[in-house]
Amino acid sequence: MANTKTKTPIKNFQLSLPKWVVEITTPQKVVCDFMLSVALSKIQEYKAREEVFEKKYHLAFPKFEKKVLAAKEENFQHWDDLIDWEAAYLAHKLWQERYQQLISK
């Protein structure tokens, strides 16, 4: 996973907007608001994926991960769920961080 703490270069681009849009806001605000919407949508998407597993196992991801890693016998269903849950968990955290970056600007 990419390190979200490092500064990435800012890329400039040209944005064409209808006249009425630029009369009420700035191109930067349009892009920022759009990315806020994307981030919130992604947060909801990955949180919903996590909730499926939380309901199934009645645990939060970190506790489930410990349980699977500490198990004496391998349970392939648990491992499959662990992989899928971890992906959702990490993506959820990543998009929360990105959202925080956007609102702190």
N, C-alpha and C. Protein backbone atom coordinates (compact mmCIF):
# COMPACT_ATOMS: atom_id res chain seq x y z
N MET A 1 0.85 -1.17 0.00
CA MET A 1 0.00 0.00 0.00
C MET A 1 0.90 1.24 0.00
N ALA A 2 0.48 2.22 -0.76
CA ALA A 2 1.24 3.46 -0.86
C ALA A 2 1.22 4.20 0.47
N ASN A 3 2.32 4.87 0.74
CA ASN A 3 2.42 5.65 1.96
C ASN A 3 1.71 6.98 1.74
N THR A 4 0.64 7.20 2.47
CA THR A 4 -0.15 8.42 2.30
C THR A 4 0.43 9.59 3.07
N LYS A 5 1.46 9.36 3.86
CA LYS A 5 2.05 10.43 4.67
C LYS A 5 3.05 11.27 3.86
N THR A 6 3.59 10.73 2.76
CA THR A 6 4.57 11.47 1.99
C THR A 6 3.87 12.48 1.09
N LYS A 7 4.56 13.57 0.82
CA LYS A 7 4.01 14.60 -0.05
C LYS A 7 4.12 14.13 -1.50
N THR A 8 3.03 14.22 -2.21
CA THR A 8 3.06 13.90 -3.63
C THR A 8 3.01 15.20 -4.40
N PRO A 9 3.67 15.22 -5.55
CA PRO A 9 3.67 16.47 -6.32
C PRO A 9 2.27 16.83 -6.77
N ILE A 10 2.00 18.11 -6.77
CA ILE A 10 0.71 18.60 -7.22
C ILE A 10 0.80 18.80 -8.73
N LYS A 11 -0.18 18.29 -9.43
CA LYS A 11 -0.20 18.44 -10.88
C LYS A 11 -1.22 19.50 -11.26
N ASN A 12 -0.82 20.37 -12.13
CA ASN A 12 -1.73 21.39 -12.64
C ASN A 12 -2.43 20.85 -13.87
N PHE A 13 -3.67 21.25 -14.03
CA PHE A 13 -4.42 20.86 -15.21
C PHE A 13 -5.42 21.97 -15.52
N GLN A 14 -5.90 21.95 -16.74
CA GLN A 14 -6.87 22.96 -17.15
C GLN A 14 -8.26 22.36 -17.02
N LEU A 15 -9.16 23.15 -16.48
CA LEU A 15 -10.53 22.70 -16.26
C LEU A 15 -11.48 23.68 -16.92
N SER A 16 -12.30 23.18 -17.79
CA SER A 16 -13.31 24.03 -18.44
C SER A 16 -14.64 23.82 -17.73
N LEU A 17 -15.20 24.92 -17.28
CA LEU A 17 -16.46 24.87 -16.54
C LEU A 17 -17.46 25.83 -17.18
N PRO A 18 -18.74 25.51 -17.04
CA PRO A 18 -19.75 26.46 -17.53
C PRO A 18 -19.63 27.80 -16.79
N LYS A 19 -20.01 28.85 -17.46
CA LYS A 19 -19.89 30.20 -16.90
C LYS A 19 -20.61 30.31 -15.56
N TRP A 20 -21.80 29.72 -15.46
CA TRP A 20 -22.57 29.84 -14.22
C TRP A 20 -21.83 29.21 -13.04
N VAL A 21 -21.01 28.18 -13.28
CA VAL A 21 -20.27 27.54 -12.19
C VAL A 21 -19.20 28.49 -11.65
N VAL A 22 -18.44 29.09 -12.56
CA VAL A 22 -17.37 29.99 -12.11
C VAL A 22 -17.91 31.30 -11.54
N GLU A 23 -19.16 31.57 -11.79
CA GLU A 23 -19.78 32.75 -11.18
C GLU A 23 -20.09 32.52 -9.70
N ILE A 24 -20.22 31.27 -9.29
CA ILE A 24 -20.57 30.99 -7.89
C ILE A 24 -19.47 30.30 -7.10
N THR A 25 -18.42 29.83 -7.78
CA THR A 25 -17.35 29.13 -7.07
C THR A 25 -16.06 29.18 -7.88
N THR A 26 -15.03 28.53 -7.38
CA THR A 26 -13.75 28.49 -8.08
C THR A 26 -13.50 27.07 -8.60
N PRO A 27 -12.68 26.94 -9.64
CA PRO A 27 -12.34 25.60 -10.13
C PRO A 27 -11.72 24.71 -9.05
N GLN A 28 -10.90 25.31 -8.20
CA GLN A 28 -10.28 24.55 -7.12
C GLN A 28 -11.33 23.99 -6.17
N LYS A 29 -12.35 24.81 -5.87
CA LYS A 29 -13.42 24.37 -4.97
C LYS A 29 -14.25 23.26 -5.62
N VAL A 30 -14.46 23.36 -6.92
CA VAL A 30 -15.20 22.32 -7.63
C VAL A 30 -14.48 20.98 -7.51
N VAL A 31 -13.18 21.00 -7.75
CA VAL A 31 -12.40 19.76 -7.68
C VAL A 31 -12.36 19.24 -6.25
N CYS A 32 -12.13 20.12 -5.30
CA CYS A 32 -12.08 19.70 -3.90
C CYS A 32 -13.41 19.10 -3.45
N ASP A 33 -14.51 19.75 -3.79
CA ASP A 33 -15.83 19.24 -3.41
C ASP A 33 -16.10 17.89 -4.07
N PHE A 34 -15.70 17.76 -5.32
CA PHE A 34 -15.87 16.49 -6.01
C PHE A 34 -15.08 15.38 -5.30
N MET A 35 -13.83 15.67 -4.96
CA MET A 35 -13.00 14.65 -4.30
C MET A 35 -13.51 14.35 -2.89
N LEU A 36 -14.08 15.33 -2.22
CA LEU A 36 -14.72 15.05 -0.93
C LEU A 36 -15.87 14.06 -1.11
N SER A 37 -16.65 14.26 -2.16
CA SER A 37 -17.75 13.33 -2.45
C SER A 37 -17.24 11.94 -2.76
N VAL A 38 -16.18 11.87 -3.55
CA VAL A 38 -15.57 10.57 -3.87
C VAL A 38 -15.09 9.89 -2.60
N ALA A 39 -14.38 10.64 -1.76
CA ALA A 39 -13.85 10.08 -0.52
C ALA A 39 -14.96 9.57 0.39
N LEU A 40 -16.00 10.35 0.56
CA LEU A 40 -17.12 9.92 1.40
C LEU A 40 -17.80 8.67 0.84
N SER A 41 -17.92 8.61 -0.47
CA SER A 41 -18.52 7.44 -1.11
C SER A 41 -17.65 6.19 -0.87
N LYS A 42 -16.35 6.34 -1.01
CA LYS A 42 -15.43 5.22 -0.79
C LYS A 42 -15.46 4.78 0.67
N ILE A 43 -15.50 5.74 1.58
CA ILE A 43 -15.57 5.40 3.01
C ILE A 43 -16.82 4.57 3.28
N GLN A 44 -17.94 5.00 2.75
CA GLN A 44 -19.20 4.26 2.94
C GLN A 44 -19.12 2.86 2.32
N GLU A 45 -18.55 2.78 1.12
CA GLU A 45 -18.43 1.50 0.42
C GLU A 45 -17.62 0.50 1.23
N TYR A 46 -16.44 0.92 1.69
CA TYR A 46 -15.57 -0.01 2.41
C TYR A 46 -16.07 -0.29 3.82
N LYS A 47 -16.72 0.67 4.44
CA LYS A 47 -17.32 0.43 5.75
C LYS A 47 -18.43 -0.61 5.64
N ALA A 48 -19.23 -0.52 4.58
CA ALA A 48 -20.30 -1.51 4.37
C ALA A 48 -19.71 -2.91 4.18
N ARG A 49 -18.60 -3.01 3.47
CA ARG A 49 -17.95 -4.31 3.29
C ARG A 49 -17.45 -4.85 4.63
N GLU A 50 -16.89 -3.96 5.46
CA GLU A 50 -16.44 -4.37 6.79
C GLU A 50 -17.60 -4.85 7.65
N GLU A 51 -18.72 -4.16 7.58
CA GLU A 51 -19.87 -4.49 8.43
C GLU A 51 -20.41 -5.89 8.15
N VAL A 52 -20.27 -6.37 6.92
CA VAL A 52 -20.69 -7.74 6.60
C VAL A 52 -19.93 -8.73 7.48
N PHE A 53 -18.62 -8.54 7.59
CA PHE A 53 -17.80 -9.44 8.39
C PHE A 53 -18.00 -9.22 9.88
N GLU A 54 -18.18 -7.96 10.29
CA GLU A 54 -18.43 -7.67 11.70
C GLU A 54 -19.70 -8.36 12.18
N LYS A 55 -20.73 -8.37 11.34
CA LYS A 55 -21.98 -9.05 11.70
C LYS A 55 -21.80 -10.57 11.69
N LYS A 56 -21.03 -11.05 10.72
CA LYS A 56 -20.83 -12.50 10.60
C LYS A 56 -20.06 -13.06 11.79
N TYR A 57 -19.04 -12.35 12.24
CA TYR A 57 -18.15 -12.86 13.29
C TYR A 57 -18.35 -12.17 14.64
N HIS A 58 -19.13 -11.12 14.69
CA HIS A 58 -19.37 -10.37 15.93
C HIS A 58 -18.05 -9.90 16.56
N LEU A 59 -17.14 -9.47 15.68
CA LEU A 59 -15.83 -8.96 16.11
C LEU A 59 -15.42 -7.80 15.22
N ALA A 60 -14.52 -6.97 15.74
CA ALA A 60 -13.87 -5.96 14.91
C ALA A 60 -12.69 -6.63 14.21
N PHE A 61 -12.24 -6.04 13.11
CA PHE A 61 -11.17 -6.66 12.33
C PHE A 61 -9.93 -7.03 13.13
N PRO A 62 -9.36 -6.12 13.94
CA PRO A 62 -8.13 -6.48 14.66
C PRO A 62 -8.28 -7.73 15.54
N LYS A 63 -9.43 -7.87 16.19
CA LYS A 63 -9.65 -9.06 17.04
C LYS A 63 -9.81 -10.31 16.19
N PHE A 64 -10.50 -10.20 15.06
CA PHE A 64 -10.67 -11.35 14.18
C PHE A 64 -9.31 -11.78 13.62
N GLU A 65 -8.50 -10.80 13.23
CA GLU A 65 -7.17 -11.11 12.70
C GLU A 65 -6.34 -11.88 13.73
N LYS A 66 -6.35 -11.42 14.97
CA LYS A 66 -5.62 -12.11 16.04
C LYS A 66 -6.14 -13.53 16.22
N LYS A 67 -7.44 -13.68 16.18
CA LYS A 67 -8.06 -14.99 16.36
C LYS A 67 -7.62 -15.96 15.25
N VAL A 68 -7.64 -15.50 14.01
CA VAL A 68 -7.26 -16.36 12.87
C VAL A 68 -5.77 -16.70 12.94
N LEU A 69 -4.95 -15.71 13.26
CA LEU A 69 -3.50 -15.95 13.32
C LEU A 69 -3.12 -16.87 14.47
N ALA A 70 -3.89 -16.86 15.55
CA ALA A 70 -3.58 -17.67 16.73
C ALA A 70 -4.19 -19.07 16.67
N ALA A 71 -5.05 -19.32 15.70
CA ALA A 71 -5.76 -20.61 15.63
C ALA A 71 -4.77 -21.77 15.46
N LYS A 72 -5.04 -22.85 16.16
CA LYS A 72 -4.20 -24.06 16.08
C LYS A 72 -4.37 -24.76 14.74
N GLU A 73 -5.62 -24.78 14.24
CA GLU A 73 -5.90 -25.41 12.96
C GLU A 73 -6.32 -24.34 11.96
N GLU A 74 -5.91 -24.55 10.71
CA GLU A 74 -6.26 -23.62 9.66
C GLU A 74 -7.71 -23.78 9.24
N ASN A 75 -8.41 -22.67 9.16
CA ASN A 75 -9.78 -22.66 8.66
C ASN A 75 -9.76 -21.81 7.39
N PHE A 76 -9.92 -22.49 6.25
CA PHE A 76 -9.79 -21.78 4.98
C PHE A 76 -10.83 -20.69 4.79
N GLN A 77 -12.03 -20.89 5.29
CA GLN A 77 -13.06 -19.86 5.20
C GLN A 77 -12.65 -18.63 6.00
N HIS A 78 -12.10 -18.84 7.18
CA HIS A 78 -11.63 -17.71 8.00
C HIS A 78 -10.51 -16.96 7.29
N TRP A 79 -9.59 -17.71 6.67
CA TRP A 79 -8.49 -17.06 5.95
C TRP A 79 -9.00 -16.28 4.74
N ASP A 80 -9.94 -16.85 4.01
CA ASP A 80 -10.53 -16.12 2.89
C ASP A 80 -11.19 -14.83 3.36
N ASP A 81 -11.97 -14.95 4.44
CA ASP A 81 -12.63 -13.77 4.99
C ASP A 81 -11.62 -12.76 5.53
N LEU A 82 -10.56 -13.27 6.15
CA LEU A 82 -9.53 -12.37 6.67
C LEU A 82 -8.91 -11.54 5.55
N ILE A 83 -8.62 -12.16 4.43
CA ILE A 83 -8.01 -11.45 3.29
C ILE A 83 -8.97 -10.38 2.76
N ASP A 84 -10.23 -10.77 2.57
CA ASP A 84 -11.21 -9.80 2.06
C ASP A 84 -11.48 -8.68 3.06
N TRP A 85 -11.58 -9.05 4.33
CA TRP A 85 -11.85 -8.07 5.38
C TRP A 85 -10.69 -7.11 5.52
N GLU A 86 -9.48 -7.64 5.47
CA GLU A 86 -8.30 -6.78 5.59
C GLU A 86 -8.26 -5.76 4.46
N ALA A 87 -8.58 -6.20 3.25
CA ALA A 87 -8.59 -5.27 2.11
C ALA A 87 -9.60 -4.14 2.35
N ALA A 88 -10.79 -4.50 2.82
CA ALA A 88 -11.80 -3.48 3.10
C ALA A 88 -11.38 -2.57 4.25
N TYR A 89 -10.81 -3.16 5.30
CA TYR A 89 -10.35 -2.43 6.48
C TYR A 89 -9.28 -1.40 6.09
N LEU A 90 -8.29 -1.85 5.32
CA LEU A 90 -7.20 -0.95 4.92
C LEU A 90 -7.68 0.12 3.95
N ALA A 91 -8.56 -0.24 3.02
CA ALA A 91 -9.10 0.74 2.08
C ALA A 91 -9.94 1.78 2.82
N HIS A 92 -10.71 1.34 3.81
CA HIS A 92 -11.51 2.25 4.62
C HIS A 92 -10.61 3.26 5.33
N LYS A 93 -9.55 2.76 5.95
CA LYS A 93 -8.61 3.65 6.64
C LYS A 93 -7.95 4.62 5.66
N LEU A 94 -7.56 4.13 4.50
CA LEU A 94 -6.91 4.97 3.50
C LEU A 94 -7.82 6.11 3.06
N TRP A 95 -9.08 5.79 2.78
CA TRP A 95 -10.00 6.83 2.34
C TRP A 95 -10.38 7.79 3.46
N GLN A 96 -10.36 7.32 4.70
CA GLN A 96 -10.57 8.24 5.83
C GLN A 96 -9.41 9.23 5.91
N GLU A 97 -8.19 8.72 5.71
CA GLU A 97 -7.02 9.60 5.72
C GLU A 97 -7.09 10.62 4.59
N ARG A 98 -7.48 10.16 3.42
CA ARG A 98 -7.59 11.07 2.28
C ARG A 98 -8.66 12.13 2.52
N TYR A 99 -9.77 11.72 3.12
CA TYR A 99 -10.83 12.67 3.46
C TYR A 99 -10.30 13.72 4.44
N GLN A 100 -9.58 13.27 5.45
CA GLN A 100 -9.00 14.20 6.42
C GLN A 100 -8.03 15.17 5.76
N GLN A 101 -7.25 14.69 4.80
CA GLN A 101 -6.34 15.57 4.05
C GLN A 101 -7.13 16.63 3.31
N LEU A 102 -8.22 16.23 2.69
CA LEU A 102 -9.02 17.19 1.93
C LEU A 102 -9.67 18.24 2.81
N ILE A 103 -10.21 17.84 3.95
CA ILE A 103 -10.90 18.84 4.80
C ILE A 103 -9.92 19.72 5.57
N SER A 104 -8.66 19.30 5.67
CA SER A 104 -7.69 20.11 6.39
C SER A 104 -7.02 21.15 5.49
N LYS A 105 -7.37 21.14 4.22
CA LYS A 105 -6.78 22.12 3.27
C LYS A 105 -7.49 23.44 3.35
